[in-house]
Amino acid sequence: VGRGVTRARPGDAVVVANSAPCRDCPECAGGRANLCRRITHLTGAFAERVLVPAPIVAGNVHDLPAGLAPGLAAAAEPLA
């Protein structure tokens, strides 16, 4: 867990989306975040450890539901 992160603690089971919109460009402000001009992408998602960019931590990190296997959680986004 990086400096300034209060949303998660070491050992927390979380899932992380592979991108996050800037929430500030005209497209995001107009409700079209899927067209974001400054989207942040996460690369290396299948690495054992990965540094998640701050915009993704701010809005696209979610607690892993109790009882959900980590392997199944990791497959949710590519299958969606």
Protein backbone atom coordinates (compact mmCIF):
# COMPACT_ATOMS: atom_id res chain seq x y z
CA VAL A 1 0.00 0.00 0.00
CA GLY A 2 1.54 3.26 -1.11
CA ARG A 3 1.92 6.52 0.75
CA GLY A 4 -1.34 8.43 1.04
CA VAL A 5 -3.55 5.41 0.35
CA THR A 6 -6.24 5.11 3.00
CA ARG A 7 -8.70 2.98 1.04
CA ALA A 8 -6.87 -0.34 1.57
CA ARG A 9 -4.44 -1.84 4.05
CA PRO A 10 -1.74 -4.46 3.55
CA GLY A 11 -3.38 -7.88 3.43
CA ASP A 12 -6.78 -6.65 2.20
CA ALA A 13 -8.23 -8.77 -0.59
CA VAL A 14 -9.21 -6.41 -3.41
CA VAL A 15 -9.92 -6.46 -7.12
CA VAL A 16 -8.63 -3.68 -9.32
CA ALA A 17 -10.07 -2.48 -12.61
CA ASN A 18 -7.65 -2.14 -15.51
CA SER A 19 -8.36 1.55 -16.11
CA ALA A 20 -9.91 4.71 -14.73
CA PRO A 21 -11.25 7.81 -16.46
CA CYS A 22 -9.85 11.22 -15.48
CA ARG A 23 -13.32 12.44 -14.44
CA ASP A 24 -12.35 15.96 -15.59
CA CYS A 25 -12.17 16.12 -19.41
CA PRO A 26 -15.20 17.25 -21.45
CA GLU A 27 -16.20 13.66 -22.20
CA CYS A 28 -16.14 12.65 -18.53
CA ALA A 29 -17.96 15.82 -17.51
CA GLY A 30 -20.59 15.03 -20.13
CA GLY A 31 -21.22 11.55 -18.73
CA ARG A 32 -19.20 9.74 -21.39
CA ALA A 33 -16.29 8.44 -19.30
CA ASN A 34 -15.86 5.59 -21.80
CA LEU A 35 -14.51 8.25 -24.21
CA CYS A 36 -12.13 9.82 -21.68
CA ARG A 37 -9.26 11.74 -23.27
CA ARG A 38 -6.88 11.07 -20.37
CA ILE A 39 -7.78 7.55 -19.27
CA THR A 40 -5.25 5.82 -17.00
CA HIS A 41 -4.44 2.20 -17.83
CA LEU A 42 -2.99 -0.48 -15.60
CA THR A 43 -0.34 -2.64 -17.24
CA GLY A 44 1.08 -5.81 -15.77
CA ALA A 45 -2.20 -6.91 -14.23
CA PHE A 46 -1.22 -10.58 -14.22
CA ALA A 47 2.05 -9.89 -12.40
CA GLU A 48 2.48 -11.24 -8.89
CA ARG A 49 2.79 -7.67 -7.62
CA VAL A 50 1.87 -4.49 -9.45
CA LEU A 51 1.89 -0.77 -8.69
CA VAL A 52 -1.64 0.53 -9.25
CA PRO A 53 -1.79 4.15 -10.54
CA ALA A 54 -3.41 6.67 -8.16
CA PRO A 55 -6.47 7.40 -10.38
CA ILE A 56 -7.34 3.71 -10.38
CA VAL A 57 -6.84 3.43 -6.62
CA ALA A 58 -9.14 6.43 -6.14
CA GLY A 59 -12.09 4.96 -7.98
CA ASN A 60 -11.62 1.42 -9.22
CA VAL A 61 -10.36 -0.67 -6.31
CA HIS A 62 -13.05 -2.84 -4.75
CA ASP A 63 -13.08 -5.20 -1.78
CA LEU A 64 -13.15 -8.85 -2.76
CA PRO A 65 -16.48 -10.31 -1.60
CA ALA A 66 -16.12 -12.85 1.21
CA GLY A 67 -15.92 -16.37 -0.15
CA LEU A 68 -15.04 -15.38 -3.72
CA ALA A 69 -11.91 -17.21 -4.87
CA PRO A 70 -9.12 -14.82 -5.94
CA GLY A 71 -8.66 -16.73 -9.22
CA LEU A 72 -12.31 -16.27 -10.09
CA ALA A 73 -12.16 -12.58 -9.20
CA ALA A 74 -9.15 -12.12 -11.49
CA ALA A 75 -11.09 -13.63 -14.40
CA ALA A 76 -14.15 -11.41 -13.97
CA GLU A 77 -12.90 -8.39 -15.95
CA PRO A 78 -11.48 -10.24 -18.98
CA LEU A 79 -14.65 -12.34 -19.20
CA ALA A 80 -16.92 -9.31 -18.89
